[in-house]
N, C-alpha and C. Protein backbone atom coordinates (compact mmCIF):
# COMPACT_ATOMS: atom_id res chain seq x y z
N MET A 1 -78.90 -22.77 -45.63
CA MET A 1 -77.67 -22.82 -46.42
C MET A 1 -76.55 -22.17 -45.62
N SER A 2 -75.44 -22.81 -45.56
CA SER A 2 -74.31 -22.32 -44.77
C SER A 2 -73.32 -21.57 -45.65
N THR A 3 -72.91 -20.40 -45.17
CA THR A 3 -71.89 -19.62 -45.86
C THR A 3 -70.52 -20.12 -45.41
N PRO A 4 -69.58 -20.31 -46.32
CA PRO A 4 -68.24 -20.75 -45.90
C PRO A 4 -67.60 -19.75 -44.93
N ALA A 5 -66.79 -20.26 -44.04
CA ALA A 5 -66.10 -19.40 -43.08
C ALA A 5 -65.09 -18.53 -43.79
N LEU A 6 -64.97 -17.31 -43.33
CA LEU A 6 -64.00 -16.36 -43.85
C LEU A 6 -63.14 -15.91 -42.69
N THR A 7 -61.84 -16.03 -42.80
CA THR A 7 -60.95 -15.62 -41.72
C THR A 7 -60.10 -14.47 -42.22
N VAL A 8 -60.06 -13.39 -41.44
CA VAL A 8 -59.24 -12.23 -41.76
C VAL A 8 -58.45 -11.83 -40.54
N ASN A 9 -57.40 -11.07 -40.73
CA ASN A 9 -56.60 -10.59 -39.62
C ASN A 9 -57.08 -9.22 -39.17
N ALA A 10 -57.00 -8.96 -37.85
CA ALA A 10 -57.37 -7.65 -37.31
C ALA A 10 -56.29 -6.63 -37.66
N ASP A 11 -56.67 -5.38 -37.70
CA ASP A 11 -55.75 -4.30 -38.04
C ASP A 11 -55.03 -3.82 -36.78
N ALA A 12 -53.73 -3.64 -36.85
CA ALA A 12 -52.93 -3.22 -35.70
C ALA A 12 -53.32 -1.84 -35.19
N THR A 13 -54.05 -1.05 -35.96
CA THR A 13 -54.43 0.29 -35.49
C THR A 13 -55.45 0.23 -34.37
N LEU A 14 -56.02 -0.92 -34.09
CA LEU A 14 -56.98 -1.05 -33.00
C LEU A 14 -56.32 -1.57 -31.73
N ALA A 15 -55.06 -1.29 -31.54
CA ALA A 15 -54.30 -1.68 -30.35
C ALA A 15 -54.23 -3.20 -30.19
N VAL A 16 -54.22 -3.89 -31.30
CA VAL A 16 -54.06 -5.33 -31.29
C VAL A 16 -53.04 -5.71 -32.35
N SER A 17 -52.41 -6.82 -32.13
CA SER A 17 -51.50 -7.34 -33.14
C SER A 17 -52.29 -8.31 -34.00
N HIS A 18 -52.04 -8.30 -35.31
CA HIS A 18 -52.77 -9.21 -36.18
C HIS A 18 -52.46 -10.67 -35.86
N GLU A 19 -51.37 -10.94 -35.16
CA GLU A 19 -51.07 -12.30 -34.73
C GLU A 19 -51.89 -12.68 -33.52
N ASP A 20 -52.41 -11.71 -32.76
CA ASP A 20 -53.10 -11.97 -31.50
C ASP A 20 -54.61 -12.10 -31.63
N VAL A 21 -55.19 -11.57 -32.71
CA VAL A 21 -56.65 -11.55 -32.85
C VAL A 21 -57.05 -12.09 -34.21
N GLN A 22 -58.07 -12.94 -34.21
CA GLN A 22 -58.61 -13.48 -35.44
C GLN A 22 -60.10 -13.12 -35.52
N VAL A 23 -60.56 -12.85 -36.73
CA VAL A 23 -61.97 -12.59 -36.98
C VAL A 23 -62.45 -13.65 -37.95
N THR A 24 -63.45 -14.41 -37.53
CA THR A 24 -64.03 -15.45 -38.37
C THR A 24 -65.51 -15.13 -38.56
N VAL A 25 -65.99 -15.21 -39.80
CA VAL A 25 -67.39 -14.93 -40.10
C VAL A 25 -68.02 -16.17 -40.70
N VAL A 26 -69.10 -16.64 -40.07
CA VAL A 26 -69.86 -17.79 -40.57
C VAL A 26 -71.34 -17.42 -40.50
N ASP A 27 -72.02 -17.52 -41.63
CA ASP A 27 -73.45 -17.20 -41.71
C ASP A 27 -73.77 -15.82 -41.15
N GLY A 28 -72.90 -14.87 -41.37
CA GLY A 28 -73.14 -13.49 -40.94
C GLY A 28 -72.77 -13.20 -39.50
N VAL A 29 -72.32 -14.20 -38.75
CA VAL A 29 -71.92 -14.01 -37.36
C VAL A 29 -70.40 -13.90 -37.31
N ALA A 30 -69.91 -12.74 -36.89
CA ALA A 30 -68.47 -12.51 -36.77
C ALA A 30 -68.03 -12.90 -35.36
N THR A 31 -67.03 -13.75 -35.28
CA THR A 31 -66.47 -14.14 -33.99
C THR A 31 -65.06 -13.60 -33.89
N ILE A 32 -64.81 -12.80 -32.85
CA ILE A 32 -63.50 -12.22 -32.60
C ILE A 32 -62.87 -13.05 -31.50
N SER A 33 -61.69 -13.59 -31.75
CA SER A 33 -61.02 -14.41 -30.74
C SER A 33 -59.56 -14.00 -30.63
N GLY A 34 -59.00 -14.25 -29.46
CA GLY A 34 -57.60 -13.94 -29.22
C GLY A 34 -57.40 -13.03 -28.04
N GLN A 35 -56.32 -12.26 -28.07
CA GLN A 35 -55.97 -11.37 -26.95
C GLN A 35 -55.96 -9.93 -27.41
N ILE A 36 -56.65 -9.07 -26.65
CA ILE A 36 -56.71 -7.64 -26.94
C ILE A 36 -56.03 -6.91 -25.79
N ARG A 37 -55.10 -6.02 -26.13
CA ARG A 37 -54.38 -5.27 -25.09
C ARG A 37 -55.27 -4.29 -24.35
N ASP A 38 -56.24 -3.69 -25.03
CA ASP A 38 -57.11 -2.69 -24.42
C ASP A 38 -58.55 -3.15 -24.56
N THR A 39 -59.08 -3.82 -23.54
CA THR A 39 -60.43 -4.38 -23.62
C THR A 39 -61.51 -3.30 -23.66
N SER A 40 -61.17 -2.07 -23.36
CA SER A 40 -62.16 -0.99 -23.45
C SER A 40 -62.56 -0.73 -24.91
N LEU A 41 -61.80 -1.28 -25.86
CA LEU A 41 -62.11 -1.11 -27.28
C LEU A 41 -63.16 -2.08 -27.79
N ILE A 42 -63.55 -3.06 -26.98
CA ILE A 42 -64.50 -4.08 -27.43
C ILE A 42 -65.81 -3.48 -27.94
N PRO A 43 -66.45 -2.53 -27.22
CA PRO A 43 -67.69 -1.96 -27.76
C PRO A 43 -67.49 -1.25 -29.11
N LEU A 44 -66.37 -0.56 -29.28
CA LEU A 44 -66.08 0.11 -30.55
C LEU A 44 -65.89 -0.92 -31.66
N VAL A 45 -65.14 -1.97 -31.37
CA VAL A 45 -64.90 -3.02 -32.36
C VAL A 45 -66.24 -3.66 -32.76
N ALA A 46 -67.10 -3.91 -31.79
CA ALA A 46 -68.40 -4.52 -32.08
C ALA A 46 -69.22 -3.61 -33.00
N ARG A 47 -69.23 -2.31 -32.71
CA ARG A 47 -69.98 -1.37 -33.55
C ARG A 47 -69.44 -1.33 -34.98
N LEU A 48 -68.12 -1.29 -35.10
CA LEU A 48 -67.50 -1.24 -36.43
C LEU A 48 -67.81 -2.50 -37.24
N ILE A 49 -67.74 -3.65 -36.58
CA ILE A 49 -67.98 -4.90 -37.29
C ILE A 49 -69.45 -5.03 -37.66
N ARG A 50 -70.36 -4.60 -36.78
CA ARG A 50 -71.80 -4.67 -37.10
C ARG A 50 -72.16 -3.77 -38.27
N ALA A 51 -71.34 -2.76 -38.55
CA ALA A 51 -71.60 -1.85 -39.66
C ALA A 51 -71.23 -2.47 -41.01
N VAL A 52 -70.53 -3.59 -41.00
CA VAL A 52 -70.14 -4.25 -42.24
C VAL A 52 -71.36 -4.95 -42.84
N GLU A 53 -71.60 -4.69 -44.11
CA GLU A 53 -72.74 -5.30 -44.79
C GLU A 53 -72.66 -6.82 -44.72
N GLY A 54 -73.75 -7.45 -44.31
CA GLY A 54 -73.81 -8.90 -44.23
C GLY A 54 -73.58 -9.44 -42.83
N VAL A 55 -73.01 -8.64 -41.93
CA VAL A 55 -72.79 -9.09 -40.56
C VAL A 55 -74.09 -8.90 -39.79
N VAL A 56 -74.57 -9.98 -39.15
CA VAL A 56 -75.82 -9.92 -38.39
C VAL A 56 -75.60 -9.95 -36.89
N ASP A 57 -74.44 -10.42 -36.45
CA ASP A 57 -74.14 -10.46 -35.01
C ASP A 57 -72.63 -10.56 -34.82
N VAL A 58 -72.19 -10.22 -33.62
CA VAL A 58 -70.76 -10.28 -33.27
C VAL A 58 -70.65 -11.00 -31.93
N THR A 59 -69.75 -11.97 -31.84
CA THR A 59 -69.45 -12.62 -30.57
C THR A 59 -67.96 -12.45 -30.28
N PHE A 60 -67.63 -12.44 -29.00
CA PHE A 60 -66.24 -12.26 -28.58
C PHE A 60 -65.77 -13.43 -27.76
N GLU A 61 -64.59 -13.91 -28.09
CA GLU A 61 -63.89 -14.95 -27.32
C GLU A 61 -62.48 -14.42 -27.10
N VAL A 62 -62.38 -13.30 -26.37
CA VAL A 62 -61.10 -12.62 -26.20
C VAL A 62 -60.70 -12.56 -24.74
N THR A 63 -59.42 -12.35 -24.53
CA THR A 63 -58.88 -12.12 -23.20
C THR A 63 -58.14 -10.80 -23.22
N GLY A 64 -58.01 -10.21 -22.06
CA GLY A 64 -57.24 -8.98 -21.93
C GLY A 64 -55.78 -9.33 -21.71
N PRO A 65 -54.97 -8.32 -21.50
CA PRO A 65 -53.54 -8.56 -21.28
C PRO A 65 -53.31 -9.27 -19.96
N ALA A 66 -52.27 -10.06 -19.91
CA ALA A 66 -51.91 -10.72 -18.65
C ALA A 66 -51.38 -9.68 -17.69
N ARG A 67 -51.87 -9.71 -16.46
CA ARG A 67 -51.38 -8.77 -15.46
C ARG A 67 -50.08 -9.28 -14.87
N VAL A 68 -49.16 -8.38 -14.63
CA VAL A 68 -47.88 -8.74 -14.04
C VAL A 68 -48.13 -9.28 -12.63
N GLY A 69 -47.61 -10.45 -12.35
CA GLY A 69 -47.76 -11.05 -11.03
C GLY A 69 -49.09 -11.75 -10.83
N ALA A 70 -49.92 -11.83 -11.83
CA ALA A 70 -51.23 -12.48 -11.70
C ALA A 70 -51.04 -13.99 -11.61
N ARG A 71 -51.87 -14.62 -10.76
CA ARG A 71 -51.85 -16.08 -10.62
C ARG A 71 -53.01 -16.65 -11.42
N PRO A 72 -52.86 -17.84 -11.96
CA PRO A 72 -53.99 -18.50 -12.60
C PRO A 72 -55.11 -18.69 -11.56
N ALA A 73 -56.35 -18.73 -12.03
CA ALA A 73 -57.51 -18.81 -11.14
C ALA A 73 -57.46 -20.02 -10.22
N ASN A 74 -56.89 -21.13 -10.65
CA ASN A 74 -56.86 -22.34 -9.83
C ASN A 74 -55.59 -22.47 -9.00
N ALA A 75 -54.72 -21.48 -9.01
CA ALA A 75 -53.46 -21.53 -8.25
C ALA A 75 -53.75 -21.28 -6.78
N PRO A 76 -53.09 -22.01 -5.88
CA PRO A 76 -53.31 -21.79 -4.45
C PRO A 76 -52.77 -20.44 -4.03
N SER A 77 -53.37 -19.91 -2.99
CA SER A 77 -52.92 -18.64 -2.43
C SER A 77 -51.48 -18.80 -1.94
N PRO A 78 -50.65 -17.76 -2.09
CA PRO A 78 -49.24 -17.89 -1.67
C PRO A 78 -49.07 -18.14 -0.18
N ASP A 79 -50.06 -17.78 0.65
CA ASP A 79 -49.93 -17.99 2.08
C ASP A 79 -50.49 -19.33 2.54
N VAL A 80 -50.94 -20.19 1.60
CA VAL A 80 -51.44 -21.52 1.95
C VAL A 80 -50.29 -22.50 1.80
N PRO A 81 -49.97 -23.25 2.89
CA PRO A 81 -48.83 -24.18 2.81
C PRO A 81 -49.08 -25.35 1.90
């Protein structure tokens, strides 16, 4: 039996904007997706979410902050003509 998906917004006190991170729970599996400014918080977030009654697992589909001057992975090196 499948539990309907529940979507909630993340709390800004965890160094994330509620517009940047989404939490979706389906069949007890919480999926965190979006962008987190401080990726060192991921283990803490996982522990907090696992403590919620009914949550059986947590998965992450997040990215960290964009680095200033960073190139996309498929961009050619600046010294290649």
